[in-house]
Every structure is written in structure tokens, then in C-alpha cells.
Amino acid sequence: MSALGRLPLVAQDVECLVRHRLAAPELRVAVGQLVEPETILAMAADGLPRSARIALAAELGVAPADAARYLVRALGERVEAGEVVAVRRRGLRSQEVTSPIAGRLATLDAETGLLTVVTDPPRRAVPALVAGEVRSVADDAVTIRAIGDLLLGASLLGREGAGPLIVLADRPDRELPAEEFDERCRGAIVLAGMTVSSAALRRLHDVGAAGVIVGGLSTHALEPFWGSATPTRLQRALVDPSADWPFPFGVLMLEGFGRLPVPEPAFDFLAERTGRWVALLSSASLGLDRPACFVSSRSLQGQPLQPIALVPGAVVHLRLPARPGLGRLVSVPFVARQPDSLAFRAVWVERDGNREIVPVDLVDPVAADA
């Protein structure tokens, strides 16, 4: 993207291509089909298969190269947990080896005598999450053309999700107590306010929320679930939003980590769409560099999502980690240099009567019609 323009924080009636990546899918839709958010696109593998290794040669008391002679099930066959996979007869006695898990006999290493059993990955129904038209169907993906309103976020932790939007917070800087998250949240995307505590996360899990939107999230809220491994597991979750996450719903952070208020334009955007069907989508699904909240519409015509020029006078949202907020541009982008001679694109921004230099990558224009 050009340094002279940035995607807006919020955009209305835009056309997006939402790409659902699928593993070993059984497809349920065809090109040209109109889908609703709850339409099932496919049954697909969910996560990675588990495996177990059996010290076959050692358990049988034979040389590793001879272990294959004692198999009673061929490699590639399926077995159940507890099923006998090898037998060695010694006179009137037989020594049996069983599989600890249900799965497929994958490999037998002739050098070590280790037999590997691999499970099939669990499968799940993959919903469309958005309303639109199926544009393409491939062996590993389904792409949907969708029209709607878009709100850019900072990070999505956990699984993508969709549901009716419920706004519980009454202002952008409110943190709600856990007891506020009740049956109203079941199956819904919840605007929870500034942040959520570990108790609130537990409560949202218990009532079956479909997703959560906050300004920021403290790492302390995750420590009861991850313990001392929180930093490492959080890094994994940031790389793969659906991996190593302790909840069945995703959390969209609009600002980042910490106790950070919801940006005012974002709060107003969501409050105006209470009750509408919204989806929390990853950056990979949207083909963008950030995740987003997408509000589906039934329109068949929309405008492409386009960068907005950074020009003096434009109202912008600043994604500064410690001091996010709104400001007004007082310059066009220019090349700034730090004392160590590192050059970067920046703009002058005015807020609260003060002017500061802000990197262009941390500036989001606020659309005029948002």
C-alpha cells in the first residue's frame, strides 16, 4: 500500500472477498450460490492429528528389524484403542501389544522398532460467517464475495466467529464485572468494553459467547489459563489465531494489549449496529494486514475497500501502543529520521493542543461517513 494513503478505521458498504481455508474438505456449496452467515460451506479437518509411538520391538523382546513379522494388522489399516496390533507366541504363551489410541498404523521404523499410530484430525462444520455469493471453490478454500461495513482491529486471538452483535458497555472506557455477561451473550458477538478480566472470560465461556470485542486485553487475564507459559503460548496464538487458545471463541482487540478504551469511532460504529449479524475475521481471511469486524448486508453492490489519502485536516485514529486516540493531520507524509539515522514515513498530528510525529503505519483515517 502507498505510504500516502491508509485504509480507514471504519468503512461502509464495501466489497470484500472472504476466503475460508479448508483442510481435507467435504464441500457443501457451489460457485454462484448465495449463502447466509450460518450456511455450512464444508465439513473439514480441524487442527492437527494426534499420534502415539509404541516401542514395538522392545515390548516384544525382538530385534527392531524383526518387529514387522509380528504385526497382525497391516500398515495403513485402522485400529481401535486397546486393539491388538502385534503378537509374539512363545510356546503356550502369547505376548500381545495393543494400540493406546484409535487411528491408523502409519509407520514402523526398522532401525528403532517404533510403531507410530496416527489419529484422524477432528472434523467440524465450517460456516460462511458472512452473507454473500460463493465466488470460487477449490480443494483447499472457498471464497465468498460479501458486501457490508468493516471495522479494522489490531489482533484477533482465537477462532473466527459470527453472531448477532450485543453491546453491553455503555461507554468506550468501561470494564464490566463478570456477572454482567449473562444469557444475553449466548451465541452472540459481545462488545465488552475496554477489557475483560479472567473471571469475565470464564463467564463468557460458560454462557457460550460466539466472540468478544474489546479495546485491549491484559496478559494478566490469560495467566490463570496458561500459567507461567503465558508469554510463549501468547506468541503462538498471535502467529496462528486458532492455535493454543483456551476458549472456543475469539477475542478481537481493537487497540492491542493492555487496558485500553475502545476507539470512539469504533464504539459508535458498533453501537449503531446492535442486533446486526457480525463476524470476527482474521487478516488471512480478508487478505488484509489486520483482522476486522465485518457487518454483513444484503446489498448486491458495494465499493472496493480503498486507502484514504493522508492530507492536512483529516481526522485520524492513532494506534500508538501507550497512547492511542484521535488526532488531526497537520502535514502530508514525509520522511523522518531518528538520531540513529533510521528513516521512516511519518506525519505531523495535532491532538489536545500538542503536535507530535507519528509513523504512517500507526495512522488510521476515520472515514467521513462513519
Protein backbone atom coordinates (compact mmCIF):
# COMPACT_ATOMS: atom_id res chain seq x y z
CA MET A 1 0.00 0.00 0.00
CA SER A 2 1.21 3.52 -0.78
CA ALA A 3 2.58 5.49 2.15
CA LEU A 4 0.34 8.38 1.04
CA GLY A 5 -2.83 6.50 1.89
CA ARG A 6 -4.15 4.17 4.57
CA LEU A 7 -7.24 2.02 4.90
CA PRO A 8 -9.90 3.70 7.04
CA LEU A 9 -10.67 2.53 10.56
CA VAL A 10 -14.31 2.08 9.56
CA ALA A 11 -15.84 1.74 6.11
CA GLN A 12 -19.42 1.32 4.93
CA ASP A 13 -20.90 -0.66 2.03
CA VAL A 14 -17.58 -2.13 0.95
CA GLU A 15 -17.00 -5.24 -1.12
CA CYS A 16 -14.76 -7.88 0.45
CA LEU A 17 -13.60 -11.30 -0.63
CA VAL A 18 -13.69 -13.61 2.39
CA ARG A 19 -11.53 -16.70 1.86
CA HIS A 20 -12.12 -19.73 4.08
CA ARG A 21 -9.12 -22.03 4.01
CA LEU A 22 -10.12 -25.68 4.41
CA ALA A 23 -8.23 -28.89 5.15
CA ALA A 24 -9.48 -32.12 3.55
CA PRO A 25 -12.94 -30.64 2.96
CA GLU A 26 -16.22 -32.28 2.05
CA LEU A 27 -17.75 -29.34 0.17
CA ARG A 28 -21.40 -28.40 0.56
CA VAL A 29 -21.60 -25.32 -1.73
CA ALA A 30 -21.04 -24.44 -5.39
CA VAL A 31 -19.87 -21.39 -7.32
CA GLY A 32 -22.63 -18.81 -7.70
CA GLN A 33 -24.57 -20.00 -4.67
CA LEU A 34 -25.92 -17.35 -2.29
CA VAL A 35 -25.04 -18.07 1.33
CA GLU A 36 -26.10 -16.78 4.72
CA PRO A 37 -23.69 -16.48 7.66
CA GLU A 38 -24.88 -19.80 9.08
CA THR A 39 -24.68 -21.70 5.76
CA ILE A 40 -22.31 -24.67 6.09
CA LEU A 41 -19.63 -24.46 3.41
CA ALA A 42 -17.94 -27.77 4.14
CA MET A 43 -17.03 -30.37 6.69
CA ALA A 44 -13.28 -30.01 7.15
CA ALA A 45 -10.41 -31.17 9.31
CA ASP A 46 -9.97 -29.07 12.44
CA GLY A 47 -6.49 -28.97 13.88
CA LEU A 48 -3.68 -31.47 13.64
CA PRO A 49 -3.88 -35.25 14.07
CA ARG A 50 -2.50 -36.83 17.26
CA SER A 51 -0.01 -39.62 17.19
CA ALA A 52 1.32 -42.26 19.57
CA ARG A 53 4.53 -44.24 19.32
CA ILE A 54 4.76 -47.84 20.51
CA ALA A 55 8.14 -49.37 21.33
CA LEU A 56 7.09 -52.49 19.48
CA ALA A 57 10.46 -54.25 19.29
CA ALA A 58 11.20 -53.58 22.95
CA GLU A 59 7.78 -54.76 24.12
CA LEU A 60 8.05 -57.95 22.09
CA GLY A 61 11.68 -58.52 23.02
CA VAL A 62 12.87 -58.80 19.42
CA ALA A 63 15.37 -57.01 17.18
CA PRO A 64 13.95 -53.82 15.57
CA ALA A 65 14.41 -55.29 12.07
CA ASP A 66 12.28 -58.30 13.03
CA ALA A 67 9.35 -56.41 14.61
CA ALA A 68 7.29 -56.24 11.38
CA ARG A 69 6.96 -60.07 11.35
CA TYR A 70 4.74 -59.93 14.43
CA LEU A 71 2.19 -57.38 13.20
CA VAL A 72 -1.36 -58.73 12.98
CA ARG A 73 -2.65 -55.57 11.31
CA ALA A 74 -1.05 -54.15 8.18
CA LEU A 75 0.43 -50.67 7.99
CA GLY A 76 -2.22 -48.26 6.77
CA GLU A 77 -5.07 -50.12 8.49
CA ARG A 78 -7.28 -48.52 11.12
CA VAL A 79 -7.29 -49.84 14.68
CA GLU A 80 -9.28 -49.05 17.81
CA ALA A 81 -7.88 -48.09 21.18
CA GLY A 82 -6.90 -51.28 23.02
CA GLU A 83 -6.91 -53.37 19.86
CA VAL A 84 -4.09 -55.93 19.45
CA VAL A 85 -1.63 -54.85 16.75
CA ALA A 86 1.17 -57.41 17.23
CA VAL A 87 1.53 -60.87 18.76
CA ARG A 88 4.61 -62.96 19.57
CA ARG A 89 3.99 -66.56 20.53
CA ARG A 90 6.34 -68.26 22.94
CA GLY A 91 5.32 -71.85 23.33
CA LEU A 92 1.94 -71.93 25.05
CA ARG A 93 2.10 -68.24 25.85
CA SER A 94 1.46 -65.24 23.64
CA GLN A 95 2.74 -61.73 24.15
CA GLU A 96 0.37 -59.09 22.80
CA VAL A 97 0.91 -55.39 22.08
CA THR A 98 -2.13 -53.09 21.87
CA SER A 99 -2.65 -49.62 20.45
CA PRO A 100 -3.12 -46.88 23.07
CA ILE A 101 -5.31 -44.80 20.70
CA ALA A 102 -7.73 -45.26 17.83
CA GLY A 103 -6.18 -44.40 14.49
CA ARG A 104 -4.17 -45.67 11.57
CA LEU A 105 -0.97 -47.70 11.71
CA ALA A 106 1.28 -45.21 9.97
CA THR A 107 4.91 -46.32 10.10
CA LEU A 108 7.22 -48.92 11.63
CA ASP A 109 10.85 -47.86 11.89
CA ALA A 110 13.10 -50.83 11.08
CA GLU A 111 16.06 -49.23 12.87
CA THR A 112 14.31 -48.41 16.17
CA GLY A 113 11.33 -50.77 16.16
CA LEU A 114 8.96 -47.87 16.91
CA LEU A 115 5.41 -48.23 15.57
CA THR A 116 3.50 -44.96 15.02
CA VAL A 117 -0.27 -44.74 15.23
CA VAL A 118 -1.86 -41.55 13.87
CA THR A 119 -5.40 -40.38 14.56
CA ASP A 120 -7.57 -38.66 12.00
CA PRO A 121 -7.89 -34.97 12.85
CA PRO A 122 -11.27 -33.97 14.28
CA ARG A 123 -13.74 -32.55 11.76
CA ARG A 124 -16.11 -29.64 12.09
CA ALA A 125 -18.75 -27.85 10.10
CA VAL A 126 -17.36 -24.62 8.58
CA PRO A 127 -19.99 -21.83 8.37
CA ALA A 128 -19.82 -18.97 5.88
CA LEU A 129 -19.82 -16.36 8.72
CA VAL A 130 -20.90 -13.70 6.18
CA ALA A 131 -23.78 -13.27 3.75
CA GLY A 132 -22.77 -13.20 0.09
CA GLU A 133 -22.12 -15.15 -3.09
CA VAL A 134 -19.68 -18.03 -3.49
CA ARG A 135 -17.09 -16.80 -5.99
CA SER A 136 -14.74 -19.76 -6.12
CA VAL A 137 -14.41 -23.28 -4.79
CA ALA A 138 -11.08 -25.09 -4.62
CA ASP A 139 -9.66 -28.16 -2.93
CA ASP A 140 -8.40 -26.04 -0.05
CA ALA A 141 -10.59 -22.91 0.05
CA VAL A 142 -13.99 -21.34 -0.56
CA THR A 143 -14.13 -17.63 -1.40
CA ILE A 144 -17.23 -15.53 -0.78
CA ARG A 145 -17.97 -12.09 -2.19
CA ALA A 146 -19.62 -10.13 0.62
CA ILE A 147 -20.94 -6.57 0.97
CA GLY A 148 -21.04 -4.86 4.32
CA ASP A 149 -19.49 -2.49 6.84
CA LEU A 150 -15.95 -3.01 8.11
CA LEU A 151 -14.16 -2.12 11.35
CA LEU A 152 -10.42 -2.78 11.46
CA GLY A 153 -8.94 -4.30 14.61
CA ALA A 154 -5.43 -4.78 15.94
CA SER A 155 -5.26 -8.51 16.76
CA LEU A 156 -7.60 -11.49 16.80
CA LEU A 157 -6.89 -14.18 19.35
CA GLY A 158 -8.69 -17.47 18.87
CA ARG A 159 -11.17 -18.73 16.34
CA GLU A 160 -13.17 -16.64 13.89
CA GLY A 161 -16.83 -16.40 14.78
CA ALA A 162 -20.12 -14.75 13.95
CA GLY A 163 -23.42 -13.92 15.60
CA PRO A 164 -25.76 -11.08 16.46
CA LEU A 165 -23.97 -8.10 17.99
CA ILE A 166 -24.78 -7.22 21.58
CA VAL A 167 -23.36 -4.03 23.11
CA LEU A 168 -23.11 -4.34 26.89
CA ALA A 169 -20.71 -1.49 27.64
CA ASP A 170 -22.28 1.95 27.89
CA ARG A 171 -19.08 3.85 27.11
CA PRO A 172 -15.70 3.10 25.48
CA ASP A 173 -13.68 3.08 28.73
CA ARG A 174 -15.97 0.82 30.76
CA GLU A 175 -14.80 -2.55 32.13
CA LEU A 176 -17.77 -4.70 33.05
CA PRO A 177 -17.87 -7.10 36.02
CA ALA A 178 -18.13 -10.79 35.17
CA GLU A 179 -21.76 -11.04 36.32
CA GLU A 180 -22.84 -8.67 33.52
CA PHE A 181 -22.15 -11.42 30.98
CA ASP A 182 -25.32 -13.48 31.14
CA GLU A 183 -27.62 -15.46 28.83
CA ARG A 184 -27.88 -12.45 26.51
CA CYS A 185 -24.36 -13.33 25.35
CA ARG A 186 -25.15 -16.89 24.26
CA GLY A 187 -24.29 -17.25 20.56
CA ALA A 188 -23.57 -13.50 20.28
CA ILE A 189 -20.61 -11.29 19.44
CA VAL A 190 -20.22 -9.19 22.58
CA LEU A 191 -18.83 -5.64 22.72
CA ALA A 192 -17.48 -5.97 26.25
CA GLY A 193 -15.92 -2.52 26.62
CA MET A 194 -12.37 -1.54 27.48
CA THR A 195 -11.17 -5.01 28.53
CA VAL A 196 -12.20 -8.27 30.18
CA SER A 197 -10.84 -9.99 33.26
CA SER A 198 -10.07 -13.69 33.62
CA ALA A 199 -13.36 -14.08 35.52
CA ALA A 200 -15.22 -12.41 32.65
CA LEU A 201 -13.53 -14.73 30.12
CA ARG A 202 -14.64 -17.74 32.15
CA ARG A 203 -18.17 -16.37 32.30
CA LEU A 204 -18.28 -15.73 28.56
CA HIS A 205 -17.13 -19.30 28.01
CA ASP A 206 -19.79 -20.66 30.34
CA VAL A 207 -22.65 -18.78 28.68
CA GLY A 208 -21.48 -19.73 25.18
CA ALA A 209 -20.49 -16.39 23.60
CA ALA A 210 -19.56 -16.57 19.90
CA GLY A 211 -16.93 -13.82 20.12
CA VAL A 212 -15.77 -10.80 22.10
CA ILE A 213 -14.69 -7.29 21.11
CA VAL A 214 -12.58 -5.18 23.49
CA GLY A 215 -10.31 -2.18 23.36
CA GLY A 216 -7.41 -4.13 24.80
CA LEU A 217 -6.59 -7.29 26.71
CA SER A 218 -4.17 -7.63 29.59
CA THR A 219 -1.84 -10.62 29.61
CA HIS A 220 -2.70 -10.97 33.32
CA ALA A 221 -6.21 -12.01 32.28
CA LEU A 222 -4.72 -15.04 30.49
CA GLU A 223 -2.35 -16.20 33.24
CA PRO A 224 -4.98 -18.26 35.13
CA PHE A 225 -5.40 -20.35 31.97
CA TRP A 226 -1.79 -20.54 30.76
CA GLY A 227 0.22 -20.01 33.95
CA SER A 228 3.95 -19.35 33.59
CA ALA A 229 3.79 -20.34 29.91
CA THR A 230 1.60 -17.32 29.08
CA PRO A 231 4.25 -15.35 27.10
CA THR A 232 5.21 -18.35 24.94
CA ARG A 233 1.66 -19.52 24.31
CA LEU A 234 0.53 -15.99 23.55
CA GLN A 235 3.19 -15.69 20.87
CA ARG A 236 1.92 -18.91 19.30
CA ALA A 237 -1.65 -17.65 19.39
CA LEU A 238 -0.62 -14.43 17.64
CA VAL A 239 1.04 -16.39 14.82
CA ASP A 240 -1.90 -18.78 14.43
CA PRO A 241 -5.08 -17.27 15.93
CA SER A 242 -6.81 -20.64 16.27
CA ALA A 243 -3.86 -22.47 17.83
CA ASP A 244 -3.13 -22.85 21.53
CA TRP A 245 -6.11 -20.72 22.60
CA PRO A 246 -8.04 -21.79 25.71
CA PHE A 247 -11.51 -20.67 24.59
CA PRO A 248 -13.91 -21.73 21.82
CA PHE A 249 -14.50 -18.07 20.88
CA GLY A 250 -12.18 -15.39 19.56
CA VAL A 251 -11.29 -12.03 21.12
CA LEU A 252 -10.84 -9.08 18.75
CA MET A 253 -8.65 -6.37 20.26
CA LEU A 254 -9.24 -3.01 18.62
CA GLU A 255 -6.16 -1.32 20.13
CA GLY A 256 -3.80 -4.00 21.41
CA PHE A 257 -2.57 -5.37 24.73
CA GLY A 258 -3.37 -3.54 27.93
CA ARG A 259 -6.31 -1.76 29.50
CA LEU A 260 -7.18 0.40 26.51
CA PRO A 261 -10.53 2.07 25.76
CA VAL A 262 -12.41 1.21 22.59
CA PRO A 263 -11.72 3.93 19.97
CA GLU A 264 -14.66 6.34 19.97
CA PRO A 265 -15.41 5.96 16.24
CA ALA A 266 -15.35 2.18 16.67
CA PHE A 267 -17.66 2.31 19.69
CA ASP A 268 -20.15 4.50 17.80
CA PHE A 269 -19.90 2.24 14.75
CA LEU A 270 -20.75 -0.86 16.80
CA ALA A 271 -23.43 0.80 18.95
CA GLU A 272 -25.30 1.81 15.78
CA ARG A 273 -25.28 -1.82 14.61
CA THR A 274 -26.57 -3.51 17.74
CA GLY A 275 -28.54 -6.60 16.80
CA ARG A 276 -26.98 -6.91 13.34
CA TRP A 277 -25.13 -10.06 12.33
CA VAL A 278 -21.37 -9.51 12.57
CA ALA A 279 -18.31 -11.65 12.00
CA LEU A 280 -14.84 -11.54 13.53
CA LEU A 281 -12.50 -12.33 10.64
CA SER A 282 -8.75 -12.90 10.54
CA SER A 283 -6.40 -10.89 8.37
CA ALA A 284 -5.74 -14.02 6.28
CA SER A 285 -9.44 -14.50 5.51
CA LEU A 286 -9.76 -10.88 4.35
CA GLY A 287 -6.43 -10.57 2.56
CA LEU A 288 -5.54 -7.57 4.75
CA ASP A 289 -2.73 -6.93 7.19
CA ARG A 290 -5.15 -6.74 10.14
CA PRO A 291 -8.24 -8.60 11.37
CA ALA A 292 -11.64 -6.94 11.27
CA CYS A 293 -15.24 -6.97 12.41
CA PHE A 294 -17.50 -7.33 9.36
CA VAL A 295 -21.20 -6.45 9.40
CA SER A 296 -23.00 -8.24 6.57
CA SER A 297 -25.62 -6.51 4.46
CA ARG A 298 -27.99 -7.90 1.86
CA SER A 299 -26.86 -5.44 -0.80
CA LEU A 300 -25.50 -6.80 -4.08
CA GLN A 301 -23.47 -3.68 -4.83
CA GLY A 302 -20.60 -2.22 -2.86
CA GLN A 303 -17.47 -0.17 -3.29
CA PRO A 304 -13.96 -1.64 -3.19
CA LEU A 305 -12.12 -1.03 0.05
CA GLN A 306 -9.73 1.78 -0.83
CA PRO A 307 -6.98 3.66 1.02
CA ILE A 308 -7.77 7.22 2.08
CA ALA A 309 -5.20 9.91 1.37
CA LEU A 310 -3.41 11.35 4.38
CA VAL A 311 -3.97 15.09 3.91
CA PRO A 312 -3.88 18.00 6.36
CA GLY A 313 -7.14 18.41 8.25
CA ALA A 314 -8.10 14.73 8.13
CA VAL A 315 -9.26 13.15 11.40
CA VAL A 316 -7.21 10.06 12.19
CA HIS A 317 -7.02 7.34 14.79
CA LEU A 318 -3.54 6.83 16.26
CA ARG A 319 -2.60 3.24 17.11
CA LEU A 320 0.22 4.24 19.46
CA PRO A 321 0.69 1.36 21.93
CA ALA A 322 0.70 3.51 25.08
CA ARG A 323 -1.34 6.49 23.89
CA PRO A 324 -3.98 5.56 21.32
CA GLY A 325 -6.62 8.11 20.43
CA LEU A 326 -7.89 10.60 17.88
CA GLY A 327 -5.98 13.46 16.27
CA ARG A 328 -5.93 15.69 13.22
CA LEU A 329 -3.28 15.68 10.50
CA VAL A 330 -1.32 18.90 10.06
CA SER A 331 1.03 17.65 7.34
CA VAL A 332 1.30 15.27 4.43
CA PRO A 333 3.53 12.20 4.87
CA PHE A 334 7.26 12.89 4.89
CA VAL A 335 10.47 11.02 5.59
CA ALA A 336 11.51 11.36 9.22
CA ARG A 337 14.84 10.33 10.70
CA GLN A 338 15.69 9.18 14.19
CA PRO A 339 19.03 10.02 15.83
CA ASP A 340 20.37 6.63 14.71
CA SER A 341 19.59 7.66 11.08
CA LEU A 342 16.70 5.16 10.73
CA ALA A 343 14.31 6.67 8.18
CA PHE A 344 10.55 6.11 8.20
CA ARG A 345 7.39 7.63 6.75
CA ALA A 346 5.62 9.89 9.25
CA VAL A 347 3.07 12.67 9.62
CA TRP A 348 2.60 15.56 11.99
CA VAL A 349 -0.52 15.10 14.10
CA GLU A 350 -2.22 17.54 16.47
CA ARG A 351 -4.22 16.42 19.48
CA ASP A 352 -5.05 18.02 22.81
CA GLY A 353 -3.30 21.17 21.64
CA ASN A 354 0.03 19.43 21.08
CA ARG A 355 1.80 18.30 17.91
CA GLU A 356 3.75 15.08 17.51
CA ILE A 357 5.36 12.99 14.80
CA VAL A 358 3.62 9.65 14.25
CA PRO A 359 4.72 6.84 11.90
CA VAL A 360 2.33 6.47 8.97
CA ASP A 361 1.87 2.76 9.75
CA LEU A 362 0.20 3.72 13.05
CA VAL A 363 -2.30 6.16 11.50
CA ASP A 364 -5.83 5.12 10.50
CA PRO A 365 -8.01 7.69 8.71
CA VAL A 366 -11.51 7.90 10.14
CA ALA A 367 -13.95 7.74 7.23
CA ALA A 368 -16.06 10.89 6.91
CA ASP A 369 -19.32 8.95 6.71
CA ALA A 370 -18.54 6.66 9.66
